[in-house]
Amino acid sequence: FSPPLLLLKKPIKNVLGVVLSVGEKTFTIFVPSLGLSTRAFVDEHKDRFEISLQGEDGKRQIMMQRKGGQVVGQGTDHRTSQICAKVFAKLKVSCYCKEKAPIDVKVLVEGNWDGN
């Protein structure tokens, strides 16, 4: 069983991801449904989010403001347009196979985890 190769044909969308650590340009996310943790890169989210780094080591967080406002069909709720990636934050993520070598899991943040 190789999660990256499985995701090549069948990406997994809108699953729980828990932030384990936050750096300046990356953050580590644990995806319980796949049983793995991987890094999410801030640069891979810049097309969909305005991103700012806040705090210092140990209390660092990455604020992600959705470009264009809220998610379609979600109304104007503040929680759907702003995401805070900090340690132990629960996020809604989608998992793909990386397009370039080395083969690995690519995680993209979709929003805040709402329990569904």
N, C-alpha and C. Protein backbone atom coordinates (compact mmCIF):
# COMPACT_ATOMS: atom_id res chain seq x y z
N PHE A 1 0.85 -1.19 0.00
CA PHE A 1 0.00 0.00 0.00
C PHE A 1 0.88 1.24 0.00
N SER A 2 0.73 2.06 -1.00
CA SER A 2 1.50 3.29 -1.12
C SER A 2 0.53 4.47 -1.30
N PRO A 3 0.31 5.27 -0.24
CA PRO A 3 -0.64 6.38 -0.35
C PRO A 3 -0.41 7.30 -1.55
N PRO A 4 0.85 7.71 -1.84
CA PRO A 4 1.01 8.63 -2.98
C PRO A 4 0.52 8.02 -4.30
N LEU A 5 0.79 6.75 -4.54
CA LEU A 5 0.37 6.13 -5.79
C LEU A 5 -1.14 5.93 -5.83
N LEU A 6 -1.73 5.62 -4.71
CA LEU A 6 -3.19 5.50 -4.62
C LEU A 6 -3.84 6.84 -4.98
N LEU A 7 -3.25 7.94 -4.51
CA LEU A 7 -3.80 9.27 -4.73
C LEU A 7 -3.62 9.75 -6.16
N LEU A 8 -2.74 9.12 -6.90
CA LEU A 8 -2.53 9.48 -8.30
C LEU A 8 -3.82 9.30 -9.09
N LYS A 9 -4.52 8.20 -8.86
CA LYS A 9 -5.76 7.90 -9.56
C LYS A 9 -6.99 8.42 -8.84
N LYS A 10 -6.93 8.47 -7.49
CA LYS A 10 -8.10 8.86 -6.70
C LYS A 10 -7.70 9.83 -5.59
N PRO A 11 -7.62 11.12 -5.92
CA PRO A 11 -7.34 12.10 -4.87
C PRO A 11 -8.43 12.06 -3.80
N ILE A 12 -8.07 12.38 -2.58
CA ILE A 12 -9.02 12.39 -1.48
C ILE A 12 -9.29 13.85 -1.12
N LYS A 13 -10.56 14.24 -1.13
CA LYS A 13 -10.91 15.64 -0.89
C LYS A 13 -11.69 15.81 0.40
N ASN A 14 -11.45 16.95 1.02
CA ASN A 14 -12.21 17.39 2.20
C ASN A 14 -12.16 16.41 3.36
N VAL A 15 -10.95 16.07 3.79
CA VAL A 15 -10.76 15.21 4.96
C VAL A 15 -10.08 16.01 6.07
N LEU A 16 -10.11 15.46 7.28
CA LEU A 16 -9.51 16.11 8.43
C LEU A 16 -7.99 16.10 8.33
N GLY A 17 -7.39 17.25 8.61
CA GLY A 17 -5.95 17.37 8.74
C GLY A 17 -5.65 18.14 10.01
N VAL A 18 -4.71 17.67 10.82
CA VAL A 18 -4.36 18.33 12.08
C VAL A 18 -2.95 18.89 11.94
N VAL A 19 -2.80 20.18 12.21
CA VAL A 19 -1.50 20.83 12.11
C VAL A 19 -0.62 20.38 13.28
N LEU A 20 0.58 19.87 12.97
CA LEU A 20 1.50 19.40 14.01
C LEU A 20 2.59 20.42 14.31
N SER A 21 3.03 21.16 13.29
CA SER A 21 4.05 22.19 13.50
C SER A 21 3.92 23.25 12.41
N VAL A 22 4.43 24.45 12.73
CA VAL A 22 4.33 25.57 11.80
C VAL A 22 5.70 26.21 11.64
N GLY A 23 6.16 26.30 10.39
CA GLY A 23 7.41 26.97 10.08
C GLY A 23 7.11 28.28 9.37
N GLU A 24 8.13 28.86 8.75
CA GLU A 24 7.94 30.13 8.05
C GLU A 24 7.31 29.93 6.67
N LYS A 25 7.65 28.83 6.00
CA LYS A 25 7.15 28.60 4.64
C LYS A 25 6.42 27.27 4.49
N THR A 26 6.39 26.47 5.55
CA THR A 26 5.71 25.19 5.52
C THR A 26 5.02 24.93 6.85
N PHE A 27 4.08 24.01 6.84
CA PHE A 27 3.52 23.50 8.09
C PHE A 27 3.24 22.02 7.90
N THR A 28 3.40 21.27 8.97
CA THR A 28 3.24 19.82 8.92
C THR A 28 1.81 19.47 9.32
N ILE A 29 1.17 18.65 8.50
CA ILE A 29 -0.22 18.25 8.72
C ILE A 29 -0.30 16.73 8.83
N PHE A 30 -0.99 16.25 9.87
CA PHE A 30 -1.28 14.82 10.03
C PHE A 30 -2.67 14.57 9.46
N VAL A 31 -2.76 13.59 8.57
CA VAL A 31 -4.04 13.22 7.95
C VAL A 31 -4.43 11.85 8.51
N PRO A 32 -5.32 11.80 9.52
CA PRO A 32 -5.68 10.53 10.17
C PRO A 32 -6.23 9.48 9.21
N SER A 33 -7.00 9.88 8.22
CA SER A 33 -7.59 8.89 7.31
C SER A 33 -6.55 8.15 6.47
N LEU A 34 -5.38 8.76 6.29
CA LEU A 34 -4.28 8.10 5.58
C LEU A 34 -3.20 7.59 6.53
N GLY A 35 -3.26 8.04 7.79
CA GLY A 35 -2.28 7.62 8.77
C GLY A 35 -0.89 8.16 8.49
N LEU A 36 -0.80 9.37 7.95
CA LEU A 36 0.52 9.93 7.64
C LEU A 36 0.55 11.42 7.88
N SER A 37 1.75 11.94 8.05
CA SER A 37 1.92 13.38 8.14
C SER A 37 2.83 13.82 7.00
N THR A 38 2.58 15.02 6.52
CA THR A 38 3.35 15.56 5.40
C THR A 38 3.36 17.07 5.50
N ARG A 39 4.28 17.68 4.79
CA ARG A 39 4.38 19.14 4.81
C ARG A 39 3.47 19.76 3.76
N ALA A 40 2.84 20.85 4.16
CA ALA A 40 2.09 21.69 3.23
C ALA A 40 2.93 22.95 3.02
N PHE A 41 3.06 23.35 1.78
CA PHE A 41 3.90 24.50 1.45
C PHE A 41 3.03 25.73 1.24
N VAL A 42 3.41 26.83 1.90
CA VAL A 42 2.67 28.08 1.79
C VAL A 42 2.57 28.52 0.33
N ASP A 43 3.65 28.39 -0.42
CA ASP A 43 3.66 28.83 -1.82
C ASP A 43 2.61 28.12 -2.68
N GLU A 44 2.24 26.90 -2.32
CA GLU A 44 1.25 26.15 -3.09
C GLU A 44 -0.18 26.65 -2.83
N HIS A 45 -0.34 27.59 -1.89
CA HIS A 45 -1.66 28.11 -1.55
C HIS A 45 -1.84 29.57 -1.95
N LYS A 46 -0.78 30.20 -2.47
CA LYS A 46 -0.82 31.63 -2.76
C LYS A 46 -1.80 32.01 -3.87
N ASP A 47 -2.17 31.08 -4.72
CA ASP A 47 -3.13 31.40 -5.78
C ASP A 47 -4.56 31.52 -5.24
N ARG A 48 -4.83 30.92 -4.07
CA ARG A 48 -6.18 30.94 -3.50
C ARG A 48 -6.31 31.74 -2.22
N PHE A 49 -5.18 32.04 -1.57
CA PHE A 49 -5.21 32.72 -0.27
C PHE A 49 -4.19 33.85 -0.19
N GLU A 50 -4.56 34.91 0.55
CA GLU A 50 -3.60 35.92 0.99
C GLU A 50 -3.02 35.34 2.28
N ILE A 51 -1.70 35.27 2.39
CA ILE A 51 -1.08 34.57 3.50
C ILE A 51 -0.17 35.49 4.30
N SER A 52 -0.28 35.41 5.63
CA SER A 52 0.60 36.17 6.50
C SER A 52 1.07 35.28 7.65
N LEU A 53 2.30 35.53 8.09
CA LEU A 53 2.90 34.77 9.19
C LEU A 53 2.83 35.63 10.44
N GLN A 54 2.38 35.02 11.55
CA GLN A 54 2.29 35.77 12.80
C GLN A 54 2.96 34.99 13.91
N GLY A 55 3.47 35.70 14.91
CA GLY A 55 4.07 35.08 16.08
C GLY A 55 5.51 34.65 15.84
N GLU A 56 6.09 34.03 16.88
CA GLU A 56 7.47 33.57 16.84
C GLU A 56 7.51 32.08 17.12
N ASP A 57 8.72 31.51 17.12
CA ASP A 57 8.88 30.08 17.37
C ASP A 57 8.05 29.63 18.56
N GLY A 58 7.36 28.52 18.40
CA GLY A 58 6.53 27.97 19.46
C GLY A 58 5.10 28.46 19.43
N LYS A 59 4.90 29.70 18.99
CA LYS A 59 3.54 30.26 18.92
C LYS A 59 3.26 30.81 17.53
N ARG A 60 4.02 30.33 16.56
CA ARG A 60 3.86 30.79 15.18
C ARG A 60 2.56 30.27 14.60
N GLN A 61 1.93 31.10 13.76
CA GLN A 61 0.73 30.67 13.04
C GLN A 61 0.71 31.33 11.67
N ILE A 62 0.10 30.64 10.74
CA ILE A 62 -0.04 31.14 9.38
C ILE A 62 -1.51 31.47 9.16
N MET A 63 -1.77 32.74 8.87
CA MET A 63 -3.14 33.19 8.61
C MET A 63 -3.36 33.15 7.11
N MET A 64 -4.46 32.54 6.71
CA MET A 64 -4.79 32.38 5.29
C MET A 64 -6.17 33.00 5.06
N GLN A 65 -6.20 34.10 4.33
CA GLN A 65 -7.45 34.79 4.00
C GLN A 65 -7.80 34.44 2.56
N ARG A 66 -8.96 33.83 2.37
CA ARG A 66 -9.37 33.40 1.03
C ARG A 66 -9.52 34.60 0.11
N LYS A 67 -8.90 34.52 -1.06
CA LYS A 67 -9.03 35.59 -2.05
C LYS A 67 -10.46 35.59 -2.57
N GLY A 68 -11.04 36.76 -2.70
CA GLY A 68 -12.41 36.85 -3.20
C GLY A 68 -13.46 36.58 -2.15
N GLY A 69 -13.07 36.46 -0.88
CA GLY A 69 -14.06 36.28 0.19
C GLY A 69 -14.34 34.84 0.51
N GLN A 70 -15.62 34.55 0.74
CA GLN A 70 -16.04 33.24 1.25
C GLN A 70 -16.09 32.17 0.17
N VAL A 71 -16.27 30.96 0.63
CA VAL A 71 -16.43 29.81 -0.25
C VAL A 71 -17.81 29.87 -0.88
N VAL A 72 -17.91 29.53 -2.14
CA VAL A 72 -19.20 29.54 -2.83
C VAL A 72 -20.18 28.63 -2.09
N GLY A 73 -21.37 29.14 -1.83
CA GLY A 73 -22.40 28.35 -1.16
C GLY A 73 -22.28 28.35 0.35
N GLN A 74 -21.30 29.06 0.91
CA GLN A 74 -21.08 29.06 2.35
C GLN A 74 -21.58 30.35 3.02
N GLY A 75 -22.16 31.28 2.27
CA GLY A 75 -22.60 32.54 2.87
C GLY A 75 -21.43 33.46 3.14
N THR A 76 -21.60 34.37 4.09
CA THR A 76 -20.54 35.34 4.38
C THR A 76 -19.91 35.09 5.74
N ASP A 77 -20.03 33.90 6.26
CA ASP A 77 -19.48 33.54 7.56
C ASP A 77 -17.97 33.75 7.57
N HIS A 78 -17.46 34.48 8.57
CA HIS A 78 -16.04 34.78 8.71
C HIS A 78 -15.19 33.50 8.76
N ARG A 79 -15.71 32.44 9.36
CA ARG A 79 -14.95 31.20 9.51
C ARG A 79 -14.63 30.53 8.18
N THR A 80 -15.41 30.81 7.15
CA THR A 80 -15.17 30.16 5.86
C THR A 80 -14.16 30.92 5.01
N SER A 81 -13.87 32.17 5.34
CA SER A 81 -12.95 32.95 4.52
C SER A 81 -11.57 33.07 5.15
N GLN A 82 -11.45 32.88 6.46
CA GLN A 82 -10.16 33.00 7.14
C GLN A 82 -9.79 31.70 7.84
N ILE A 83 -8.55 31.28 7.61
CA ILE A 83 -8.06 30.02 8.18
C ILE A 83 -6.80 30.33 8.97
N CYS A 84 -6.70 29.76 10.15
CA CYS A 84 -5.52 29.94 10.99
C CYS A 84 -4.84 28.58 11.15
N ALA A 85 -3.66 28.45 10.55
CA ALA A 85 -2.89 27.21 10.67
C ALA A 85 -1.93 27.37 11.85
N LYS A 86 -2.32 26.81 12.99
CA LYS A 86 -1.48 26.82 14.19
C LYS A 86 -1.45 25.41 14.74
N VAL A 87 -0.55 25.15 15.67
CA VAL A 87 -0.39 23.80 16.21
C VAL A 87 -1.71 23.30 16.78
N PHE A 88 -2.09 22.09 16.37
CA PHE A 88 -3.31 21.38 16.76
C PHE A 88 -4.59 21.94 16.13
N ALA A 89 -4.47 22.86 15.18
CA ALA A 89 -5.66 23.34 14.47
C ALA A 89 -6.17 22.22 13.57
N LYS A 90 -7.50 22.09 13.49
CA LYS A 90 -8.13 21.11 12.61
C LYS A 90 -8.53 21.82 11.32
N LEU A 91 -8.04 21.31 10.20
CA LEU A 91 -8.31 21.90 8.90
C LEU A 91 -8.94 20.89 7.97
N LYS A 92 -9.69 21.39 7.00
CA LYS A 92 -10.22 20.55 5.93
C LYS A 92 -9.18 20.58 4.82
N VAL A 93 -8.68 19.40 4.43
CA VAL A 93 -7.62 19.32 3.42
C VAL A 93 -7.99 18.35 2.32
N SER A 94 -7.32 18.50 1.20
CA SER A 94 -7.42 17.54 0.10
C SER A 94 -6.03 16.99 -0.16
N CYS A 95 -5.96 15.69 -0.47
CA CYS A 95 -4.67 15.00 -0.65
C CYS A 95 -4.52 14.52 -2.08
N TYR A 96 -3.36 14.79 -2.66
CA TYR A 96 -3.04 14.43 -4.04
C TYR A 96 -1.67 13.79 -4.08
N CYS A 97 -1.33 13.20 -5.20
CA CYS A 97 0.02 12.72 -5.44
C CYS A 97 0.82 13.87 -6.03
N LYS A 98 2.03 14.11 -5.52
CA LYS A 98 2.87 15.17 -6.07
C LYS A 98 3.15 14.90 -7.54
N GLU A 99 3.20 15.97 -8.32
CA GLU A 99 3.39 15.85 -9.75
C GLU A 99 4.86 15.65 -10.14
N LYS A 100 5.78 16.10 -9.26
CA LYS A 100 7.20 15.99 -9.55
C LYS A 100 7.88 15.06 -8.55
N ALA A 101 9.03 14.51 -8.95
CA ALA A 101 9.79 13.63 -8.06
C ALA A 101 10.30 14.45 -6.87
N PRO A 102 10.46 13.84 -5.71
CA PRO A 102 10.12 12.46 -5.39
C PRO A 102 8.61 12.29 -5.19
N ILE A 103 8.13 11.09 -5.44
CA ILE A 103 6.70 10.80 -5.27
C ILE A 103 6.36 10.91 -3.79
N ASP A 104 5.34 11.70 -3.49
CA ASP A 104 4.92 11.90 -2.11
C ASP A 104 3.48 12.43 -2.13
N VAL A 105 2.93 12.61 -0.94
CA VAL A 105 1.57 13.14 -0.81
C VAL A 105 1.64 14.66 -0.78
N LYS A 106 0.79 15.31 -1.55
CA LYS A 106 0.66 16.76 -1.57
C LYS A 106 -0.66 17.09 -0.87
N VAL A 107 -0.60 17.97 0.12
CA VAL A 107 -1.78 18.36 0.88
C VAL A 107 -2.10 19.82 0.61
N LEU A 108 -3.34 20.09 0.26
CA LEU A 108 -3.80 21.46 0.06
C LEU A 108 -4.92 21.77 1.06
N VAL A 109 -4.83 22.92 1.69
CA VAL A 109 -5.85 23.35 2.66
C VAL A 109 -7.07 23.84 1.89
N GLU A 110 -8.24 23.37 2.31
CA GLU A 110 -9.50 23.77 1.69
C GLU A 110 -10.28 24.74 2.59
N GLY A 111 -10.11 24.60 3.91
CA GLY A 111 -10.83 25.45 4.83
C GLY A 111 -10.68 24.97 6.27
N ASN A 112 -11.48 25.54 7.15
CA ASN A 112 -11.50 25.09 8.54
C ASN A 112 -12.32 23.82 8.64
N TRP A 113 -11.94 22.93 9.54
CA TRP A 113 -12.67 21.68 9.74
C TRP A 113 -13.99 21.98 10.40
N ASP A 114 -15.08 21.49 9.81
CA ASP A 114 -16.41 21.73 10.36
C ASP A 114 -17.05 20.46 10.90
N GLY A 115 -16.28 19.38 10.93
CA GLY A 115 -16.79 18.13 11.47
C GLY A 115 -17.48 17.24 10.47
N ASN A 116 -17.56 17.66 9.21
CA ASN A 116 -18.21 16.86 8.17
C ASN A 116 -17.21 16.33 7.18
